[in-house]
Each structure stands twice: as structure tokens, then as C-alpha cells.
């Protein structure tokens, strides 16, 4: 299973101006649909006076989850050009929102497509890209005597610990590469008294 993807390291911004209209492209690294919704809601508040807030995003190493939204612009004149730029840059787990301030002169569909493409390309060109692995969060529950077995597995695979609780009943949340998920789950379950569960929407 392919679990490697390229994304942007931090938010980036691009700009395109045409006949008085201004297109501000804002690119973000994202990990879930929830996060996408939160960012769009924030931007609509921040740029409340803009005519349109068009966007597209791609999620997952296999790029299987994606969406494009024209937000009132003519069909396929905004969201699709944004999505196309993310795709042609070979990126995933990326959201681009283009905020448009209307300048009074209509650009026509081809003018709009060009503006949304150019502003998105500008934002992505200014971003630093990084290679990441898709991961899931596994949570292990076990009794204190199993601690050494569990921790030696964590050490063997060099797994990042995201959360831990060591009492009589122990809980450990581990970040695991997606392609190792089954292997590590099986090894944990082979230990006596260890229960493993996958935490939802935990793709990093």
C-alpha cells in the first residue's frame, strides 16, 4: 500500500489581479474534512466583504478524497482550475481557497479559469513542499505488567507516542505508518491482555 505523499510544509499565499478584480489564493496543509470546514469558515469571517470564496482540496496518499467548489462563480470556472493546479503540482492533504474581490468588469469564463489557475499556481509555487507518510493513530490498552513488552515494540519500530497514561490500567496512543498498521496491530494483539483500537479521522 502506497502511504507516501507530497504536501506543503506551512500555509502559503498567492495573488492575481485582472481588470480590477483581485484573487487572493490561500493554501493550507490539511488532514481531514473537519479541518477544511473550519479553515473555510474562518476565511469567510476574515474576508467577509469578498464576492466569492472558491476552493478545492485533495486528501489521502492515494488522492482519493477531493472536492471543488465554485461558490457562485459559473460552473467549473473556479473550483476545478484550483483542483487541477493542486493535482498538477502532485500534492495531497492540501486545501486552496481563492478569495475574489470583484473589480466591476466581468472576466468571462476563460478569464476566470485563468485567474483561479494563476493565483493558485502562485500560492503553491511559494510554498515549501515536503514528503510525508500517511499514518493512523493506534490506541493500546493494557495492564501495568505488560508495559515492558509494549514499550519494547514502540522502541523497535521507533513509534511516536502521541498520548500516554500509565496507571494500573495503561493507555498509549501511537502514530503508525499506514502500511505498518496491520503488522503492529497484530504484534500488540499477540501480547496477553493488550487491546488495540484505531482512533477515527487520524490521518497525518
C-alpha atoms as a PDB file:
ATOM      1  CA  UNK A   1       0.000   0.000   0.000  1.00  0.00           C
ATOM      2  CA  UNK A   2       1.378   3.388  -1.010  1.00  0.00           C
ATOM      3  CA  UNK A   3       1.397   5.679   2.030  1.00  0.00           C
ATOM      4  CA  UNK A   4       3.847   8.384   0.908  1.00  0.00           C
ATOM      5  CA  UNK A   5       2.620  11.739  -0.394  1.00  0.00           C
ATOM      6  CA  UNK A   6       3.849  15.276  -1.009  1.00  0.00           C
ATOM      7  CA  UNK A   7       2.214  18.210   0.736  1.00  0.00           C
ATOM      8  CA  UNK A   8       3.075  21.766   1.744  1.00  0.00           C
ATOM      9  CA  UNK A   9       5.033  22.421   4.934  1.00  0.00           C
ATOM     10  CA  UNK A  10       3.068  25.505   6.025  1.00  0.00           C
ATOM     11  CA  UNK A  11       0.359  27.883   4.741  1.00  0.00           C
ATOM     12  CA  UNK A  12       1.224  29.925   1.642  1.00  0.00           C
ATOM     13  CA  UNK A  13      -0.347  32.816  -0.241  1.00  0.00           C
ATOM     14  CA  UNK A  14      -0.628  33.823  -3.901  1.00  0.00           C
ATOM     15  CA  UNK A  15      -2.142  36.798  -5.729  1.00  0.00           C
ATOM     16  CA  UNK A  16      -3.507  37.527  -9.206  1.00  0.00           C
ATOM     17  CA  UNK A  17      -5.059  40.775 -10.444  1.00  0.00           C
ATOM     18  CA  UNK A  18      -7.117  41.259 -13.602  1.00  0.00           C
ATOM     19  CA  UNK A  19      -9.273  44.238 -14.679  1.00  0.00           C
ATOM     20  CA  UNK A  20      -9.673  45.473 -11.108  1.00  0.00           C
ATOM     21  CA  UNK A  21     -10.571  42.036  -9.716  1.00  0.00           C
ATOM     22  CA  UNK A  22      -8.277  40.645  -7.067  1.00  0.00           C
ATOM     23  CA  UNK A  23      -7.787  36.920  -6.470  1.00  0.00           C
ATOM     24  CA  UNK A  24      -6.081  36.006  -3.176  1.00  0.00           C
ATOM     25  CA  UNK A  25      -5.106  32.314  -3.051  1.00  0.00           C
ATOM     26  CA  UNK A  26      -4.541  30.796   0.393  1.00  0.00           C
ATOM     27  CA  UNK A  27      -3.016  27.308   0.570  1.00  0.00           C
ATOM     28  CA  UNK A  28      -3.030  25.149   3.716  1.00  0.00           C
ATOM     29  CA  UNK A  29      -1.782  21.699   4.701  1.00  0.00           C
ATOM     30  CA  UNK A  30      -4.876  19.792   5.948  1.00  0.00           C
ATOM     31  CA  UNK A  31      -5.595  16.314   7.297  1.00  0.00           C
ATOM     32  CA  UNK A  32      -9.382  15.966   7.452  1.00  0.00           C
ATOM     33  CA  UNK A  33     -12.670  17.310   6.060  1.00  0.00           C
ATOM     34  CA  UNK A  34     -13.354  18.781   9.509  1.00  0.00           C
ATOM     35  CA  UNK A  35     -10.212  20.885   9.295  1.00  0.00           C
ATOM     36  CA  UNK A  36     -11.181  22.042   5.781  1.00  0.00           C
ATOM     37  CA  UNK A  37     -14.592  23.246   7.066  1.00  0.00           C
ATOM     38  CA  UNK A  38     -13.011  25.125   9.974  1.00  0.00           C
ATOM     39  CA  UNK A  39     -10.494  26.952   7.745  1.00  0.00           C
ATOM     40  CA  UNK A  40     -13.167  27.946   5.186  1.00  0.00           C
ATOM     41  CA  UNK A  41     -15.449  29.245   7.968  1.00  0.00           C
ATOM     42  CA  UNK A  42     -12.561  31.321   9.381  1.00  0.00           C
ATOM     43  CA  UNK A  43     -11.684  32.767   5.958  1.00  0.00           C
ATOM     44  CA  UNK A  44     -15.323  33.691   5.269  1.00  0.00           C
ATOM     45  CA  UNK A  45     -15.271  35.679   8.510  1.00  0.00           C
ATOM     46  CA  UNK A  46     -11.915  37.286   7.773  1.00  0.00           C
ATOM     47  CA  UNK A  47     -12.724  38.164   4.135  1.00  0.00           C
ATOM     48  CA  UNK A  48     -16.445  38.786   4.781  1.00  0.00           C
ATOM     49  CA  UNK A  49     -16.590  41.551   2.164  1.00  0.00           C
ATOM     50  CA  UNK A  50     -15.307  39.389  -0.722  1.00  0.00           C
ATOM     51  CA  UNK A  51     -17.657  38.310  -3.523  1.00  0.00           C
ATOM     52  CA  UNK A  52     -16.549  34.652  -3.674  1.00  0.00           C
ATOM     53  CA  UNK A  53     -14.624  32.114  -1.575  1.00  0.00           C
ATOM     54  CA  UNK A  54     -13.888  29.308  -4.045  1.00  0.00           C
ATOM     55  CA  UNK A  55     -11.879  26.281  -3.006  1.00  0.00           C
ATOM     56  CA  UNK A  56     -10.609  22.782  -3.723  1.00  0.00           C
ATOM     57  CA  UNK A  57      -8.830  20.164  -1.653  1.00  0.00           C
ATOM     58  CA  UNK A  58      -7.273  16.725  -2.013  1.00  0.00           C
ATOM     59  CA  UNK A  59      -6.836  14.298   0.900  1.00  0.00           C
ATOM     60  CA  UNK A  60      -5.045  10.962   1.285  1.00  0.00           C
ATOM     61  CA  UNK A  61      -1.840   9.483  -0.109  1.00  0.00           C
ATOM     62  CA  UNK A  62      -3.918   7.949  -2.929  1.00  0.00           C
ATOM     63  CA  UNK A  63      -5.621  11.343  -3.569  1.00  0.00           C
ATOM     64  CA  UNK A  64      -8.991   9.553  -3.409  1.00  0.00           C
ATOM     65  CA  UNK A  65     -10.854  12.228  -1.432  1.00  0.00           C
ATOM     66  CA  UNK A  66     -11.221  15.565  -3.170  1.00  0.00           C
ATOM     67  CA  UNK A  67     -13.723  18.333  -3.754  1.00  0.00           C
ATOM     68  CA  UNK A  68     -14.034  21.518  -5.804  1.00  0.00           C
ATOM     69  CA  UNK A  69     -16.461  24.358  -5.054  1.00  0.00           C
ATOM     70  CA  UNK A  70     -17.262  27.321  -7.347  1.00  0.00           C
ATOM     71  CA  UNK A  71     -19.089  29.348  -4.633  1.00  0.00           C
ATOM     72  CA  UNK A  72     -21.367  31.166  -7.070  1.00  0.00           C
ATOM     73  CA  UNK A  73     -18.927  31.528  -9.969  1.00  0.00           C
ATOM     74  CA  UNK A  74     -20.003  29.928 -13.307  1.00  0.00           C
ATOM     75  CA  UNK A  75     -19.830  26.087 -13.221  1.00  0.00           C
ATOM     76  CA  UNK A  76     -16.299  24.662 -13.347  1.00  0.00           C
ATOM     77  CA  UNK A  77     -14.703  28.122 -13.705  1.00  0.00           C
ATOM     78  CA  UNK A  78     -13.164  28.262 -10.211  1.00  0.00           C
ATOM     79  CA  UNK A  79     -13.068  25.053  -8.134  1.00  0.00           C
ATOM     80  CA  UNK A  80     -11.883  22.795 -10.959  1.00  0.00           C
ATOM     81  CA  UNK A  81      -8.977  25.069 -12.034  1.00  0.00           C
ATOM     82  CA  UNK A  82      -7.873  25.229  -8.360  1.00  0.00           C
ATOM     83  CA  UNK A  83      -8.119  21.423  -8.060  1.00  0.00           C
ATOM     84  CA  UNK A  84      -6.205  20.996 -11.321  1.00  0.00           C
ATOM     85  CA  UNK A  85      -3.298  23.059 -10.004  1.00  0.00           C
ATOM     86  CA  UNK A  86      -3.070  21.009  -6.781  1.00  0.00           C
ATOM     87  CA  UNK A  87      -3.106  17.828  -8.904  1.00  0.00           C
ATOM     88  CA  UNK A  88      -0.518  19.008 -11.405  1.00  0.00           C
ATOM     89  CA  UNK A  89       1.776  20.006  -8.524  1.00  0.00           C
ATOM     90  CA  UNK A  90       1.478  16.364  -7.355  1.00  0.00           C
ATOM     91  CA  UNK A  91       0.278  17.397  -3.891  1.00  0.00           C
ATOM     92  CA  UNK A  92      -2.183  15.904  -1.410  1.00  0.00           C
ATOM     93  CA  UNK A  93      -3.557  16.880   2.013  1.00  0.00           C
ATOM     94  CA  UNK A  94      -3.781  20.424   0.630  1.00  0.00           C
ATOM     95  CA  UNK A  95      -6.625  22.958   0.660  1.00  0.00           C
ATOM     96  CA  UNK A  96      -6.549  26.085  -1.518  1.00  0.00           C
ATOM     97  CA  UNK A  97      -9.163  28.805  -1.011  1.00  0.00           C
ATOM     98  CA  UNK A  98      -9.226  31.669  -3.524  1.00  0.00           C
ATOM     99  CA  UNK A  99     -10.899  34.821  -2.233  1.00  0.00           C
ATOM    100  CA  UNK A 100     -12.179  37.047  -5.051  1.00  0.00           C
ATOM    101  CA  UNK A 101     -12.851  40.758  -4.833  1.00  0.00           C
ATOM    102  CA  UNK A 102     -14.849  41.811  -7.897  1.00  0.00           C
ATOM    103  CA  UNK A 103     -13.461  44.815  -9.745  1.00  0.00           C
ATOM    104  CA  UNK A 104     -16.564  45.769 -11.727  1.00  0.00           C
ATOM    105  CA  UNK A 105     -15.536  44.265 -15.087  1.00  0.00           C
ATOM    106  CA  UNK A 106     -16.644  40.722 -15.958  1.00  0.00           C
ATOM    107  CA  UNK A 107     -13.777  38.451 -16.989  1.00  0.00           C
ATOM    108  CA  UNK A 108     -15.764  35.779 -18.817  1.00  0.00           C
ATOM    109  CA  UNK A 109     -15.422  32.063 -18.120  1.00  0.00           C
ATOM    110  CA  UNK A 110     -11.987  31.689 -19.759  1.00  0.00           C
ATOM    111  CA  UNK A 111     -10.733  34.771 -17.876  1.00  0.00           C
ATOM    112  CA  UNK A 112     -11.994  33.315 -14.594  1.00  0.00           C
ATOM    113  CA  UNK A 113     -10.409  29.918 -15.245  1.00  0.00           C
ATOM    114  CA  UNK A 114      -7.098  31.634 -15.954  1.00  0.00           C
ATOM    115  CA  UNK A 115      -7.352  33.837 -12.822  1.00  0.00           C
ATOM    116  CA  UNK A 116      -8.136  30.940 -10.465  1.00  0.00           C
ATOM    117  CA  UNK A 117      -5.375  28.840 -12.041  1.00  0.00           C
ATOM    118  CA  UNK A 118      -2.782  31.625 -11.896  1.00  0.00           C
ATOM    119  CA  UNK A 119      -3.498  32.655  -8.283  1.00  0.00           C
ATOM    120  CA  UNK A 120      -3.425  29.013  -7.096  1.00  0.00           C
ATOM    121  CA  UNK A 121      -0.196  28.331  -9.013  1.00  0.00           C
ATOM    122  CA  UNK A 122       1.340  31.420  -7.399  1.00  0.00           C
ATOM    123  CA  UNK A 123       0.437  30.221  -3.885  1.00  0.00           C
ATOM    124  CA  UNK A 124       1.721  26.681  -4.473  1.00  0.00           C
ATOM    125  CA  UNK A 125       4.928  27.940  -6.104  1.00  0.00           C
ATOM    126  CA  UNK A 126       5.727  29.973  -2.984  1.00  0.00           C
ATOM    127  CA  UNK A 127       5.081  27.004  -0.656  1.00  0.00           C
ATOM    128  CA  UNK A 128       7.759  24.641   0.622  1.00  0.00           C
ATOM    129  CA  UNK A 129       6.829  21.061  -0.268  1.00  0.00           C
ATOM    130  CA  UNK A 130       7.634  18.094   1.960  1.00  0.00           C
ATOM    131  CA  UNK A 131       7.272  14.341   1.656  1.00  0.00           C
ATOM    132  CA  UNK A 132       5.197  12.688   4.367  1.00  0.00           C
ATOM    133  CA  UNK A 133       3.840   9.275   5.237  1.00  0.00           C
ATOM    134  CA  UNK A 134       0.176   8.681   5.847  1.00  0.00           C
ATOM    135  CA  UNK A 135      -0.294   7.497   9.402  1.00  0.00           C
ATOM    136  CA  UNK A 136      -3.043   6.308  11.723  1.00  0.00           C
ATOM    137  CA  UNK A 137      -3.354   6.596  15.478  1.00  0.00           C
ATOM    138  CA  UNK A 138      -3.476   3.266  17.307  1.00  0.00           C
ATOM    139  CA  UNK A 139      -4.501   3.180  20.937  1.00  0.00           C
ATOM    140  CA  UNK A 140      -3.306   0.301  23.111  1.00  0.00           C
ATOM    141  CA  UNK A 141      -4.962  -0.546  26.453  1.00  0.00           C
ATOM    142  CA  UNK A 142      -3.115  -2.894  28.767  1.00  0.00           C
ATOM    143  CA  UNK A 143      -2.412  -3.690  32.416  1.00  0.00           C
ATOM    144  CA  UNK A 144       0.800  -2.424  34.030  1.00  0.00           C
ATOM    145  CA  UNK A 145       2.657  -5.809  33.866  1.00  0.00           C
ATOM    146  CA  UNK A 146       2.527  -5.655  30.004  1.00  0.00           C
ATOM    147  CA  UNK A 147       4.374  -2.313  29.996  1.00  0.00           C
ATOM    148  CA  UNK A 148       7.819  -3.720  29.080  1.00  0.00           C
ATOM    149  CA  UNK A 149       6.509  -5.750  26.127  1.00  0.00           C
ATOM    150  CA  UNK A 150       4.567  -2.806  24.724  1.00  0.00           C
ATOM    151  CA  UNK A 151       7.418  -0.329  25.179  1.00  0.00           C
ATOM    152  CA  UNK A 152       9.968  -2.636  23.552  1.00  0.00           C
ATOM    153  CA  UNK A 153       7.714  -2.778  20.451  1.00  0.00           C
ATOM    154  CA  UNK A 154       7.467   1.039  20.467  1.00  0.00           C
ATOM    155  CA  UNK A 155      11.271   1.187  20.597  1.00  0.00           C
ATOM    156  CA  UNK A 156      11.766  -1.481  17.913  1.00  0.00           C
ATOM    157  CA  UNK A 157       9.642   0.456  15.382  1.00  0.00           C
ATOM    158  CA  UNK A 158      10.600   3.904  16.702  1.00  0.00           C
ATOM    159  CA  UNK A 159       6.918   4.872  17.003  1.00  0.00           C
ATOM    160  CA  UNK A 160       5.999   8.445  18.007  1.00  0.00           C
ATOM    161  CA  UNK A 161       3.918   8.442  21.213  1.00  0.00           C
ATOM    162  CA  UNK A 162       1.053  10.940  20.915  1.00  0.00           C
ATOM    163  CA  UNK A 163      -0.566  10.394  24.308  1.00  0.00           C
ATOM    164  CA  UNK A 164       0.072   8.206  27.332  1.00  0.00           C
ATOM    165  CA  UNK A 165      -1.440   7.301  30.650  1.00  0.00           C
ATOM    166  CA  UNK A 166       0.471   4.992  32.977  1.00  0.00           C
ATOM    167  CA  UNK A 167      -1.573   3.863  35.925  1.00  0.00           C
ATOM    168  CA  UNK A 168      -2.917   0.470  36.967  1.00  0.00           C
ATOM    169  CA  UNK A 169      -4.697   0.449  33.615  1.00  0.00           C
ATOM    170  CA  UNK A 170      -2.370   1.875  30.963  1.00  0.00           C
ATOM    171  CA  UNK A 171      -3.234   3.624  27.720  1.00  0.00           C
ATOM    172  CA  UNK A 172      -0.843   4.532  24.930  1.00  0.00           C
ATOM    173  CA  UNK A 173      -1.639   6.360  21.668  1.00  0.00           C
ATOM    174  CA  UNK A 174       0.874   5.680  18.896  1.00  0.00           C
ATOM    175  CA  UNK A 175       1.337   7.201  15.457  1.00  0.00           C
ATOM    176  CA  UNK A 176       1.893   4.387  12.975  1.00  0.00           C
ATOM    177  CA  UNK A 177       2.645   4.419   9.252  1.00  0.00           C
ATOM    178  CA  UNK A 178      -0.444   3.168   7.432  1.00  0.00           C
ATOM    179  CA  UNK A 179       1.408   0.351   5.696  1.00  0.00           C
ATOM    180  CA  UNK A 180       2.641  -0.967   9.090  1.00  0.00           C
ATOM    181  CA  UNK A 181      -0.791  -0.712  10.740  1.00  0.00           C
ATOM    182  CA  UNK A 182      -1.766  -4.397  10.378  1.00  0.00           C
ATOM    183  CA  UNK A 183       1.687  -5.669  11.345  1.00  0.00           C
ATOM    184  CA  UNK A 184       1.889  -3.575  14.535  1.00  0.00           C
ATOM    185  CA  UNK A 185      -1.760  -4.224  15.472  1.00  0.00           C
ATOM    186  CA  UNK A 186      -1.121  -7.978  15.192  1.00  0.00           C
ATOM    187  CA  UNK A 187       2.053  -7.805  17.319  1.00  0.00           C
ATOM    188  CA  UNK A 188       0.230  -5.858  20.033  1.00  0.00           C
ATOM    189  CA  UNK A 189      -2.730  -8.234  19.984  1.00  0.00           C
ATOM    190  CA  UNK A 190      -0.385 -11.207  20.354  1.00  0.00           C
ATOM    191  CA  UNK A 191       0.592  -9.825  23.770  1.00  0.00           C
ATOM    192  CA  UNK A 192      -1.613 -11.124  26.543  1.00  0.00           C
ATOM    193  CA  UNK A 193      -4.228  -8.658  27.772  1.00  0.00           C
ATOM    194  CA  UNK A 194      -3.481  -5.910  25.223  1.00  0.00           C
ATOM    195  CA  UNK A 195      -6.447  -4.354  23.390  1.00  0.00           C
ATOM    196  CA  UNK A 196      -5.900  -2.210  20.296  1.00  0.00           C
ATOM    197  CA  UNK A 197      -8.237   0.285  18.635  1.00  0.00           C
ATOM    198  CA  UNK A 198      -7.877   2.763  15.764  1.00  0.00           C
ATOM    199  CA  UNK A 199      -8.776   6.368  16.550  1.00  0.00           C
ATOM    200  CA  UNK A 200     -11.093   7.984  13.948  1.00  0.00           C
ATOM    201  CA  UNK A 201     -10.032  10.697  11.435  1.00  0.00           C
ATOM    202  CA  UNK A 202      -6.424  10.320  12.488  1.00  0.00           C
ATOM    203  CA  UNK A 203      -4.575  10.772   9.212  1.00  0.00           C
ATOM    204  CA  UNK A 204      -1.390  12.837   9.477  1.00  0.00           C
END
